[in-house]
Amino acid sequence: MVRRVAIIGAGASGLASIKCCLDEGLEPTCFERSEDIGGLWRFADNADSGRVSVYRSVITNTSKEMSSFSDFPCPEDFPNFLPHGLLLEYFRMYARHFQLLRHIRFKTTVLSVRKRPDFATSGQWEVVTETEGVQESHVFDAVMVCTGHYQVPHLPLASFPGIETHFKGRYLHSQQYKDAEAFRGKRVLVVGIGNTGGDIAVELSHVAAKVFLSARSNTWVYSRVSDHGFPFDMVSTTRFNHFLEWLLPSAIMRRIKFRRFNSWFNHEIYGLASVKRCLPFCMLSGTVVLKPNVKEFTKTSAVFEDGTTEENIDVVLFATVRSPLKNNRSLYKCIFPPQLERPTLAIMGLVQLTGSVMAGAEIQARWVTGIFAGLHVLPLFPESVWRFVFLQTEGPENLKMSFINYTSDIASCAGVKPSVLWLLLTDPRLAMAVFFGPCTPYQYRLVGRGRWSGARAAILTQWQRALKPLRTRVVEDGASPCSWRWLGLLALPAMLVVGFLLSKSPRPGWVPRGLSLF
């Protein structure tokens, strides 16, 4: 029987895990090696003891409503996309409200986690920690690893001949980047066109003499702002859109998305299939130049795979990250190592989603702590079947999983996924908001264990909280574009069609592959 739980890390995943342990009557002890909560999101001018932190100007890629803890909405006066300081303040509010700090041991590093000799029967772990030079051994019934996705900076120097032996300039990892001032007047090469690489390249363009952005491959990166100025994820991440993606052929959906992205600007003109919204302007003004992958470095230049060379490079900045696990899909539901005799070790938040990882980590924590408390059980498969299960879910290492698919799957395991069809019969207004509106975390507090009485109100007022920080100057306008009134004409027939499709399932309980709506 699990009672004492060790939680490693007091970032977003760690805080959610502490709270979920308390909800299930468990006794959590969280070990945090720094002196404060927040993990990655606690900015520091200099990385202390190798701790990864964000850079000074960073803001979230997912909106506050889509990233909120499911029973603790973000304040309505907070902006939709939070600077790191406000996100950290939100974490502090959450920790104070649920009295989580008393369960955290700060300035304590976990040195090792090992099975106890009787693990096959007890499932217990020996955890060795160090505080101010003093080591201590503990015995826990379960362990939740909440160290995050990006703890290991990746400098792929071996892939770039000459950078260590010939290049005379400076090279560093984006983890060491804090602000642009140190690069004023420099010619900078940024390697990597992910979120961090694109953002840093744009920021550097304001002070650097020239910025070159090297991209090995293409990937779509959406603007934070959608049509009519609303947060992109609130408009796009809906169960209705998810249903359409399942219903329509993938080729048609790809074409629809391609046309939508190119309606902002023609990606082919810029040599992009991946772009930050402000990056094209930087390219038009010549402050950022997109380049292919680097072939090699000389003393002062970079030679690219297309044969071109850029001279007088002062700094090379690697925006590259390697996950602690090469493939998180070797974990059951991206959480549990399958080889263990007892499911008492959980790897939290180690998942790439098309939406908020914070919301994903919280629903993980609710399910995991339910398993620890004996409310849920994992399937007992022989090793050969486990291998088959994981082969069915494996894919490219950097492939993001559908936010709705994944969170709905974990919510089903935890018994907290709402039924849209049942809501349609009992609360049509709420059903319409759940199906056509943004799939916010509050939806997973409507039913089941951990049900929150404020979930319905949180869902029905989510657009009000999104619009509140924008209305600092009153302008008389017409009907709000985000109004759901017009959807009333479509909601009932659309849901009846969905219900009919599911009623034609070939066997009871069957759900179409890839569809996690009902």
Protein backbone atom coordinates (compact mmCIF):
# COMPACT_ATOMS: atom_id res chain seq x y z
CA MET A 1 0.00 0.00 0.00
CA VAL A 2 1.48 3.35 -1.06
CA ARG A 3 1.57 6.05 1.60
CA ARG A 4 4.82 8.04 1.37
CA VAL A 5 5.62 9.51 -2.05
CA ALA A 6 8.86 11.21 -3.11
CA ILE A 7 8.47 13.98 -5.69
CA ILE A 8 11.61 15.19 -7.45
CA GLY A 9 11.36 18.80 -8.59
CA ALA A 10 9.08 21.71 -7.62
CA GLY A 11 8.23 23.07 -11.05
CA ALA A 12 4.76 22.97 -12.58
CA SER A 13 4.64 19.15 -12.67
CA GLY A 14 5.98 18.87 -9.13
CA LEU A 15 3.44 21.30 -7.68
CA ALA A 16 0.56 19.51 -9.40
CA SER A 17 1.89 16.16 -8.15
CA ILE A 18 2.07 17.40 -4.54
CA LYS A 19 -1.50 18.65 -4.72
CA CYS A 20 -2.81 15.43 -6.29
CA CYS A 21 -1.05 13.34 -3.62
CA LEU A 22 -2.75 15.38 -0.92
CA ASP A 23 -6.12 14.99 -2.66
CA GLU A 24 -5.72 11.20 -2.46
CA GLY A 25 -4.64 11.17 1.19
CA LEU A 26 -0.98 10.37 0.42
CA GLU A 27 2.05 11.88 2.16
CA PRO A 28 4.22 13.69 -0.39
CA THR A 29 7.75 14.95 0.17
CA CYS A 30 9.09 17.11 -2.64
CA PHE A 31 12.84 17.58 -3.08
CA GLU A 32 13.88 20.77 -4.88
CA ARG A 33 17.58 21.44 -5.43
CA SER A 34 17.17 25.23 -5.68
CA GLU A 35 15.79 27.63 -3.09
CA ASP A 36 12.41 28.28 -4.71
CA ILE A 37 9.59 26.79 -6.77
CA GLY A 38 9.02 27.32 -10.49
CA GLY A 39 11.71 25.15 -12.06
CA LEU A 40 12.44 26.20 -15.63
CA TRP A 41 10.17 29.25 -15.31
CA ARG A 42 12.11 30.90 -12.48
CA PHE A 43 14.40 33.31 -14.30
CA ALA A 44 17.99 33.69 -13.15
CA ASP A 45 20.63 36.01 -14.62
CA ASN A 46 23.16 33.23 -14.35
CA ALA A 47 22.33 29.54 -14.38
CA ASP A 48 23.08 28.38 -10.84
CA SER A 49 24.57 24.91 -10.47
CA GLY A 50 23.52 24.02 -13.98
CA ARG A 51 19.83 24.80 -13.35
CA VAL A 52 17.95 25.42 -16.58
CA SER A 53 15.94 28.64 -16.67
CA VAL A 54 14.17 30.77 -19.26
CA TYR A 55 15.69 33.88 -20.78
CA ARG A 56 14.62 37.37 -19.72
CA SER A 57 12.05 38.17 -22.44
CA VAL A 58 10.37 34.77 -22.76
CA ILE A 59 6.59 34.42 -22.69
CA THR A 60 4.44 31.30 -22.78
CA ASN A 61 3.50 29.64 -26.07
CA THR A 62 0.15 28.44 -24.72
CA SER A 63 -2.52 30.78 -23.39
CA LYS A 64 -3.40 31.07 -19.71
CA GLU A 65 -6.81 29.40 -20.06
CA MET A 66 -5.35 26.37 -21.83
CA SER A 67 -2.48 26.11 -19.32
CA SER A 68 -4.26 26.74 -16.02
CA PHE A 69 -4.47 24.14 -13.29
CA SER A 70 -7.86 22.49 -13.69
CA ASP A 71 -9.33 23.71 -10.38
CA PHE A 72 -7.49 27.02 -10.11
CA PRO A 73 -8.10 29.41 -13.07
CA CYS A 74 -5.51 32.04 -13.82
CA PRO A 75 -6.55 35.55 -12.66
CA GLU A 76 -8.70 37.31 -15.23
CA ASP A 77 -6.50 40.42 -15.26
CA PHE A 78 -3.41 38.39 -16.24
CA PRO A 79 -2.55 38.64 -19.96
CA ASN A 80 -3.35 35.68 -22.18
CA PHE A 81 0.31 34.82 -22.77
CA LEU A 82 2.29 35.17 -19.58
CA PRO A 83 5.81 36.53 -19.13
CA HIS A 84 7.86 34.23 -16.93
CA GLY A 85 7.44 36.51 -13.93
CA LEU A 86 3.64 36.35 -14.01
CA LEU A 87 3.63 32.60 -14.61
CA LEU A 88 5.86 32.18 -11.56
CA GLU A 89 3.49 34.39 -9.56
CA TYR A 90 0.60 32.13 -10.65
CA PHE A 91 2.56 29.11 -9.38
CA ARG A 92 3.08 30.89 -6.04
CA MET A 93 -0.66 31.65 -5.79
CA TYR A 94 -1.45 27.98 -6.47
CA ALA A 95 1.09 26.78 -3.90
CA ARG A 96 -0.22 29.17 -1.24
CA HIS A 97 -3.88 28.40 -1.92
CA PHE A 98 -3.41 24.64 -1.53
CA GLN A 99 -0.68 24.93 1.14
CA LEU A 100 1.93 23.03 -0.85
CA LEU A 101 5.12 24.71 0.37
CA ARG A 102 5.15 22.83 3.67
CA HIS A 103 5.74 19.63 1.72
CA ILE A 104 8.83 20.89 -0.14
CA ARG A 105 12.43 20.51 1.03
CA PHE A 106 14.41 23.22 -0.72
CA LYS A 107 18.16 23.18 -1.47
CA THR A 108 18.01 19.39 -1.47
CA THR A 109 19.45 17.42 -4.37
CA VAL A 110 18.39 13.86 -5.13
CA LEU A 111 21.56 11.85 -5.72
CA SER A 112 20.05 8.44 -6.44
CA VAL A 113 16.81 6.46 -6.60
CA ARG A 114 17.19 2.70 -6.24
CA LYS A 115 14.89 -0.24 -5.74
CA ARG A 116 14.79 -1.73 -2.27
CA PRO A 117 15.89 -5.38 -2.02
CA ASP A 118 12.27 -6.46 -1.49
CA PHE A 119 10.94 -4.27 -4.34
CA ALA A 120 9.12 -7.15 -6.04
CA THR A 121 6.77 -7.38 -3.08
CA SER A 122 6.96 -3.91 -1.47
CA GLY A 123 7.48 -1.64 -4.50
CA GLN A 124 9.58 0.62 -2.27
CA TRP A 125 12.48 2.86 -3.26
CA GLU A 126 15.59 4.07 -1.48
CA VAL A 127 16.15 7.76 -2.20
CA VAL A 128 19.47 9.37 -1.28
CA THR A 129 19.49 13.17 -0.98
CA GLU A 130 22.04 15.83 -0.12
CA THR A 131 21.36 19.06 1.74
CA GLU A 132 24.23 21.48 2.40
CA GLY A 133 26.76 18.69 2.04
CA VAL A 134 24.93 16.25 4.32
CA GLN A 135 23.64 13.06 2.71
CA GLU A 136 20.52 11.32 3.91
CA SER A 137 18.78 8.08 2.94
CA HIS A 138 15.00 7.75 2.81
CA VAL A 139 12.55 4.96 2.05
CA PHE A 140 9.49 5.82 -0.04
CA ASP A 141 6.58 3.75 -1.25
CA ALA A 142 6.53 5.53 -4.63
CA VAL A 143 8.48 8.13 -6.62
CA MET A 144 7.26 10.80 -9.07
CA VAL A 145 10.05 12.26 -11.21
CA CYS A 146 9.13 15.85 -12.10
CA THR A 147 12.45 17.16 -13.39
CA GLY A 148 11.00 18.38 -16.66
CA HIS A 149 11.59 17.92 -20.34
CA TYR A 150 14.58 20.19 -20.85
CA GLN A 151 17.13 19.48 -18.18
CA VAL A 152 19.89 18.37 -20.54
CA PRO A 153 21.32 21.08 -22.85
CA HIS A 154 22.45 19.50 -26.08
CA LEU A 155 25.60 20.79 -27.81
CA PRO A 156 25.90 18.55 -30.89
CA LEU A 157 29.50 19.59 -31.53
CA ALA A 158 30.41 16.29 -33.18
CA SER A 159 27.91 17.05 -35.95
CA PHE A 160 29.70 20.29 -36.86
CA PRO A 161 33.30 19.65 -37.97
CA GLY A 162 35.71 22.40 -37.12
CA ILE A 163 33.77 24.16 -34.40
CA GLU A 164 36.05 22.82 -31.65
CA THR A 165 39.29 22.64 -33.61
CA HIS A 166 39.22 25.62 -35.99
CA PHE A 167 36.51 28.11 -35.06
CA LYS A 168 37.95 31.09 -33.15
CA GLY A 169 34.65 32.67 -32.17
CA ARG A 170 32.45 31.89 -29.21
CA TYR A 171 29.86 29.14 -29.09
CA LEU A 172 27.27 28.51 -26.39
CA HIS A 173 23.94 26.87 -25.69
CA SER A 174 20.66 28.76 -25.47
CA GLN A 175 20.53 27.77 -21.80
CA GLN A 176 23.29 30.33 -21.25
CA TYR A 177 21.38 33.02 -23.15
CA LYS A 178 19.68 35.55 -20.87
CA ASP A 179 19.26 38.70 -22.98
CA ALA A 180 20.42 40.22 -26.26
CA GLU A 181 22.65 43.01 -24.96
CA ALA A 182 25.78 40.85 -24.81
CA PHE A 183 25.46 40.30 -28.58
CA ARG A 184 25.23 43.95 -29.63
CA GLY A 185 27.06 44.55 -32.90
CA LYS A 186 27.93 40.86 -33.34
CA ARG A 187 27.35 38.56 -36.29
CA VAL A 188 25.47 35.65 -34.73
CA LEU A 189 24.56 32.21 -36.08
CA VAL A 190 21.61 30.55 -34.33
CA VAL A 191 21.40 26.79 -34.89
CA GLY A 192 17.86 25.40 -34.54
CA ILE A 193 14.50 26.78 -35.67
CA GLY A 194 12.29 25.55 -32.85
CA ASN A 195 10.41 27.86 -30.49
CA THR A 196 13.56 28.99 -28.70
CA GLY A 197 15.70 29.39 -31.81
CA GLY A 198 13.09 31.44 -33.64
CA ASP A 199 12.37 33.70 -30.66
CA ILE A 200 16.04 34.31 -29.88
CA ALA A 201 16.86 35.07 -33.53
CA VAL A 202 14.12 37.73 -33.63
CA GLU A 203 15.25 39.24 -30.33
CA LEU A 204 18.91 39.32 -31.40
CA SER A 205 17.98 41.05 -34.66
CA HIS A 206 17.30 44.27 -32.73
CA VAL A 207 20.90 44.63 -31.52
CA ALA A 208 23.14 42.27 -33.53
CA ALA A 209 24.86 43.36 -36.72
CA LYS A 210 23.44 40.30 -38.48
CA VAL A 211 21.65 37.12 -37.45
CA PHE A 212 21.78 33.88 -39.41
CA LEU A 213 19.22 31.20 -38.53
CA SER A 214 20.25 27.67 -39.53
CA ALA A 215 17.45 25.12 -39.99
CA ARG A 216 18.10 21.44 -40.53
CA SER A 217 14.45 20.55 -41.14
CA ASN A 218 11.04 22.17 -41.51
CA THR A 219 8.21 22.21 -39.01
CA TRP A 220 5.12 24.34 -38.63
CA VAL A 221 5.19 26.81 -35.74
CA TYR A 222 1.93 28.64 -35.25
CA SER A 223 1.39 32.26 -34.36
CA ARG A 224 0.08 32.82 -30.84
CA VAL A 225 -2.66 35.03 -32.29
CA SER A 226 -5.53 33.69 -34.39
CA ASP A 227 -8.22 35.39 -36.44
CA HIS A 228 -9.88 38.40 -34.78
CA GLY A 229 -6.96 38.60 -32.34
CA PHE A 230 -7.93 35.67 -30.11
CA PRO A 231 -5.38 33.20 -28.67
CA PHE A 232 -4.67 30.62 -31.35
CA ASP A 233 -4.87 27.61 -29.05
CA MET A 234 -8.28 28.63 -27.66
CA VAL A 235 -9.69 28.84 -31.18
CA SER A 236 -8.05 25.74 -32.63
CA THR A 237 -7.96 23.24 -29.74
CA THR A 238 -11.61 22.26 -29.62
CA ARG A 239 -13.35 18.90 -29.61
CA PHE A 240 -15.29 19.99 -32.70
CA ASN A 241 -12.09 20.65 -34.66
CA HIS A 242 -10.67 17.40 -33.34
CA PHE A 243 -13.75 15.56 -34.58
CA LEU A 244 -13.37 17.13 -38.03
CA GLU A 245 -9.73 16.04 -38.16
CA TRP A 246 -10.84 12.48 -37.45
CA LEU A 247 -13.78 12.66 -39.89
CA LEU A 248 -12.02 14.21 -42.90
CA PRO A 249 -9.22 12.51 -44.85
CA SER A 250 -5.77 13.53 -43.62
CA ALA A 251 -4.82 14.88 -47.06
CA ILE A 252 -7.75 17.31 -46.95
CA MET A 253 -6.91 18.43 -43.41
CA ARG A 254 -3.26 19.02 -44.37
CA ARG A 255 -4.38 21.13 -47.32
CA ILE A 256 -6.76 23.16 -45.14
CA LYS A 257 -3.98 23.85 -42.62
CA PHE A 258 -1.49 24.65 -45.37
CA ARG A 259 -3.84 27.19 -46.94
CA ARG A 260 -4.55 28.76 -43.57
CA PHE A 261 -0.87 29.15 -42.68
CA ASN A 262 -0.11 30.57 -46.11
CA SER A 263 -2.95 33.07 -45.74
CA TRP A 264 -0.68 34.91 -43.29
CA PHE A 265 2.24 34.89 -45.76
CA ASN A 266 3.63 32.61 -48.44
CA HIS A 267 6.07 30.28 -46.69
CA GLU A 268 7.71 29.26 -49.96
CA ILE A 269 8.85 32.82 -50.62
CA TYR A 270 10.72 32.83 -47.32
CA GLY A 271 12.06 29.29 -47.71
CA LEU A 272 10.04 28.26 -44.67
CA ALA A 273 7.59 25.64 -43.63
CA SER A 274 8.19 26.79 -40.07
CA VAL A 275 7.96 30.36 -38.91
CA LYS A 276 7.43 32.74 -36.03
CA ARG A 277 4.87 35.43 -36.87
CA CYS A 278 7.42 38.27 -36.64
CA LEU A 279 10.24 36.36 -38.32
CA PRO A 280 9.20 37.26 -41.92
CA PHE A 281 9.51 40.97 -41.15
CA CYS A 282 13.03 40.42 -39.81
CA MET A 283 13.86 38.53 -42.98
CA LEU A 284 12.33 41.27 -45.16
CA SER A 285 14.44 43.86 -43.36
CA GLY A 286 17.56 41.71 -43.71
CA THR A 287 18.31 41.49 -40.00
CA VAL A 288 17.70 37.72 -40.02
CA VAL A 289 18.87 35.46 -42.85
CA LEU A 290 17.62 31.89 -43.07
CA LYS A 291 20.30 29.32 -43.90
CA PRO A 292 20.37 25.53 -44.36
CA ASN A 293 22.20 23.14 -42.07
CA VAL A 294 25.87 23.90 -41.31
CA LYS A 295 28.36 21.61 -43.03
CA GLU A 296 31.51 22.79 -41.24
CA PHE A 297 33.24 25.70 -39.52
CA THR A 298 36.49 27.42 -40.38
CA LYS A 299 38.36 29.93 -38.21
CA THR A 300 35.88 32.75 -38.78
CA SER A 301 33.16 31.41 -41.05
CA ALA A 302 30.39 28.86 -41.39
CA VAL A 303 30.04 26.71 -44.51
CA PHE A 304 26.53 25.49 -45.24
CA GLU A 305 25.29 22.37 -47.00
CA ASP A 306 24.14 24.35 -50.05
CA GLY A 307 27.75 25.45 -50.62
CA THR A 308 27.33 29.02 -49.39
CA THR A 309 29.62 30.57 -46.77
CA GLU A 310 29.04 33.32 -44.23
CA GLU A 311 32.18 35.09 -43.10
CA ASN A 312 33.14 36.79 -39.83
CA ILE A 313 30.84 34.85 -37.53
CA ASP A 314 31.41 36.05 -33.97
CA VAL A 315 29.04 33.79 -32.01
CA VAL A 316 27.30 30.46 -32.60
CA LEU A 317 24.27 29.86 -30.39
CA PHE A 318 22.83 26.34 -30.25
CA ALA A 319 19.08 26.22 -29.58
CA THR A 320 19.10 22.43 -29.36
CA VAL A 321 17.74 20.22 -26.60
CA ARG A 322 17.96 16.53 -25.92
CA SER A 323 15.24 14.87 -23.85
CA PRO A 324 16.37 12.74 -20.86
CA LEU A 325 14.76 9.72 -22.57
CA LYS A 326 15.38 9.06 -26.24
CA ASN A 327 11.80 7.94 -26.72
CA ASN A 328 9.16 8.60 -24.07
CA ARG A 329 6.88 6.12 -25.79
CA SER A 330 8.87 3.31 -24.26
CA LEU A 331 6.87 4.31 -21.17
CA TYR A 332 3.31 3.10 -20.74
CA LYS A 333 1.10 6.11 -21.48
CA CYS A 334 4.39 8.08 -21.56
CA ILE A 335 4.55 7.70 -17.76
CA PHE A 336 5.29 4.22 -16.38
CA PRO A 337 8.40 2.11 -17.10
CA PRO A 338 6.91 -1.26 -18.09
CA GLN A 339 9.71 -3.46 -16.76
CA LEU A 340 8.95 -2.79 -13.09
CA GLU A 341 7.24 -5.43 -10.99
CA ARG A 342 5.30 -2.70 -9.17
CA PRO A 343 3.99 0.54 -10.77
CA THR A 344 5.50 2.82 -8.13
CA LEU A 345 7.74 4.95 -10.37
CA ALA A 346 6.17 7.62 -12.58
CA ILE A 347 7.96 9.95 -15.02
CA MET A 348 5.86 13.11 -15.11
CA GLY A 349 5.54 15.71 -17.88
CA LEU A 350 7.88 13.93 -20.27
CA VAL A 351 5.52 14.26 -23.21
CA GLN A 352 5.38 16.48 -26.28
CA LEU A 353 1.83 17.71 -26.85
CA THR A 354 0.20 20.02 -29.37
CA GLY A 355 -1.09 21.93 -26.35
CA SER A 356 0.02 22.79 -22.82
CA VAL A 357 2.40 20.30 -21.22
CA MET A 358 1.45 21.75 -17.82
CA ALA A 359 -2.17 20.71 -18.32
CA GLY A 360 -0.99 17.33 -19.55
CA ALA A 361 1.22 16.84 -16.50
CA GLU A 362 -1.63 17.65 -14.12
CA ILE A 363 -4.00 15.06 -15.60
CA GLN A 364 -1.10 12.58 -15.47
CA ALA A 365 -0.64 13.34 -11.77
CA ARG A 366 -4.34 12.78 -11.03
CA TRP A 367 -4.24 9.34 -12.65
CA VAL A 368 -0.88 8.35 -11.15
CA THR A 369 -1.85 9.27 -7.60
CA GLY A 370 -5.11 7.38 -8.08
CA ILE A 371 -3.06 4.30 -8.96
CA PHE A 372 -0.83 4.83 -5.93
CA ALA A 373 -3.95 5.12 -3.73
CA GLY A 374 -5.34 1.86 -5.11
CA LEU A 375 -8.24 3.46 -7.01
CA HIS A 376 -6.99 2.37 -10.44
CA VAL A 377 -4.82 -0.48 -11.67
CA LEU A 378 -2.51 -0.90 -14.63
CA PRO A 379 -3.18 -3.76 -17.03
CA LEU A 380 -1.08 -6.86 -16.36
CA PHE A 381 0.35 -7.93 -19.70
CA PRO A 382 3.09 -10.49 -20.35
CA GLU A 383 6.32 -9.02 -21.69
CA SER A 384 5.53 -9.99 -25.29
CA VAL A 385 2.22 -8.10 -25.14
CA TRP A 386 3.90 -5.06 -23.56
CA ARG A 387 6.31 -4.95 -26.50
CA PHE A 388 3.36 -5.06 -28.91
CA VAL A 389 1.56 -2.24 -27.06
CA PHE A 390 4.60 0.02 -27.26
CA LEU A 391 5.32 -0.79 -30.89
CA GLN A 392 1.81 0.44 -31.69
CA THR A 393 2.45 3.79 -30.05
CA GLU A 394 6.01 4.50 -31.04
CA GLY A 395 6.74 7.16 -33.62
CA PRO A 396 9.32 9.79 -34.48
CA GLU A 397 11.06 11.10 -31.39
CA ASN A 398 10.06 14.71 -31.98
CA LEU A 399 6.47 13.98 -33.06
CA LYS A 400 3.98 15.86 -30.94
CA MET A 401 0.94 14.00 -29.69
CA SER A 402 -2.56 15.40 -29.97
CA PHE A 403 -3.39 17.34 -26.80
CA ILE A 404 -7.05 16.29 -26.86
CA ASN A 405 -6.29 12.65 -27.68
CA TYR A 406 -3.70 12.31 -24.93
CA THR A 407 -5.47 14.19 -22.14
CA SER A 408 -8.78 12.48 -22.93
CA ASP A 409 -7.07 9.10 -22.85
CA ILE A 410 -5.49 9.74 -19.44
CA ALA A 411 -8.74 11.28 -18.17
CA SER A 412 -10.60 8.11 -19.22
CA CYS A 413 -8.10 6.02 -17.29
CA ALA A 414 -8.69 8.27 -14.27
CA GLY A 415 -12.47 8.20 -14.69
CA VAL A 416 -12.78 11.97 -15.10
CA LYS A 417 -13.51 12.46 -18.81
CA PRO A 418 -16.92 14.11 -19.36
CA SER A 419 -19.47 12.67 -21.80
CA VAL A 420 -20.50 15.33 -24.29
CA LEU A 421 -23.61 13.35 -25.26
CA TRP A 422 -24.72 13.11 -21.63
CA LEU A 423 -24.09 16.84 -21.17
CA LEU A 424 -26.20 17.51 -24.26
CA LEU A 425 -29.13 15.81 -22.55
CA THR A 426 -28.61 17.30 -19.09
CA ASP A 427 -26.93 20.69 -19.68
CA PRO A 428 -27.07 21.75 -23.37
CA ARG A 429 -25.38 25.10 -22.76
CA LEU A 430 -22.41 23.46 -21.10
CA ALA A 431 -22.30 20.71 -23.76
CA MET A 432 -22.04 23.33 -26.49
CA ALA A 433 -19.18 25.10 -24.68
CA VAL A 434 -17.35 21.80 -24.09
CA PHE A 435 -17.72 20.58 -27.69
CA PHE A 436 -17.33 23.81 -29.69
CA GLY A 437 -15.26 25.82 -27.22
CA PRO A 438 -11.61 25.47 -26.21
CA CYS A 439 -10.71 22.17 -24.54
CA THR A 440 -9.55 23.78 -21.31
CA PRO A 441 -8.40 21.70 -18.31
CA TYR A 442 -11.58 22.59 -16.38
CA GLN A 443 -13.46 20.03 -18.50
CA TYR A 444 -11.74 17.27 -16.54
CA ARG A 445 -13.20 18.56 -13.26
CA LEU A 446 -16.84 18.15 -14.29
CA VAL A 447 -17.22 14.50 -13.28
CA GLY A 448 -15.50 11.74 -11.35
CA ARG A 449 -13.10 11.82 -8.44
CA GLY A 450 -11.78 15.30 -7.79
CA ARG A 451 -14.89 16.89 -9.28
CA TRP A 452 -14.80 20.66 -8.72
CA SER A 453 -18.02 22.56 -8.16
CA GLY A 454 -16.60 25.61 -9.96
CA ALA A 455 -15.73 23.75 -13.18
CA ARG A 456 -18.97 24.60 -14.99
CA ALA A 457 -18.66 28.31 -14.23
CA ALA A 458 -14.98 28.28 -15.18
CA ILE A 459 -15.83 26.83 -18.61
CA LEU A 460 -18.72 29.22 -19.27
CA THR A 461 -16.62 32.27 -18.30
CA GLN A 462 -13.31 31.30 -19.94
CA TRP A 463 -13.75 33.76 -22.82
CA GLN A 464 -14.52 36.54 -20.35
CA ARG A 465 -11.18 35.90 -18.62
CA ALA A 466 -9.43 35.82 -21.98
CA LEU A 467 -10.92 39.17 -23.04
CA LYS A 468 -10.69 40.96 -19.69
CA PRO A 469 -7.00 42.07 -19.95
CA LEU A 470 -7.66 43.43 -23.46
CA ARG A 471 -10.49 45.72 -22.46
CA THR A 472 -8.45 48.53 -20.99
CA ARG A 473 -10.06 50.99 -23.39
CA VAL A 474 -13.80 50.74 -23.96
CA VAL A 475 -14.91 50.86 -27.60
CA GLU A 476 -18.54 50.40 -28.58
CA ASP A 477 -18.78 47.41 -30.89
CA GLY A 478 -21.23 44.92 -32.30
CA ALA A 479 -21.62 41.27 -31.51
CA SER A 480 -18.56 39.55 -30.15
CA PRO A 481 -16.91 37.27 -32.73
CA CYS A 482 -16.45 34.64 -30.03
CA SER A 483 -20.16 34.53 -29.21
CA TRP A 484 -21.59 31.07 -29.17
CA ARG A 485 -25.12 32.14 -30.14
CA TRP A 486 -24.75 31.33 -33.80
CA LEU A 487 -23.55 27.88 -32.93
CA GLY A 488 -26.92 27.11 -31.36
CA LEU A 489 -28.32 26.51 -34.84
CA LEU A 490 -25.59 23.97 -35.57
CA ALA A 491 -24.96 22.36 -32.21
CA LEU A 492 -27.91 20.00 -32.00
CA PRO A 493 -27.73 18.56 -35.54
CA ALA A 494 -23.94 18.31 -35.37
CA MET A 495 -24.03 16.40 -32.09
CA LEU A 496 -26.84 14.17 -33.33
CA VAL A 497 -24.70 13.26 -36.36
CA VAL A 498 -21.79 12.43 -34.05
CA GLY A 499 -24.07 10.36 -31.84
CA PHE A 500 -25.39 8.52 -34.89
CA LEU A 501 -21.86 7.70 -36.07
CA LEU A 502 -20.97 6.30 -32.67
CA SER A 503 -24.24 4.37 -32.48
CA LYS A 504 -23.18 2.54 -35.66
CA SER A 505 -20.02 1.27 -33.98
CA PRO A 506 -19.29 -2.35 -34.95
CA ARG A 507 -19.26 -3.51 -31.33
CA PRO A 508 -20.34 -2.12 -27.91
CA GLY A 509 -17.79 0.25 -26.40
CA TRP A 510 -15.92 0.61 -29.68
CA VAL A 511 -14.50 4.05 -30.37
CA PRO A 512 -13.00 5.01 -33.75
CA ARG A 513 -9.19 5.03 -33.68
CA GLY A 514 -7.85 8.49 -32.94
CA LEU A 515 -11.19 9.85 -31.68
CA SER A 516 -11.27 10.75 -27.97
CA LEU A 517 -14.35 12.92 -27.64
CA PHE A 518 -17.11 11.10 -25.84
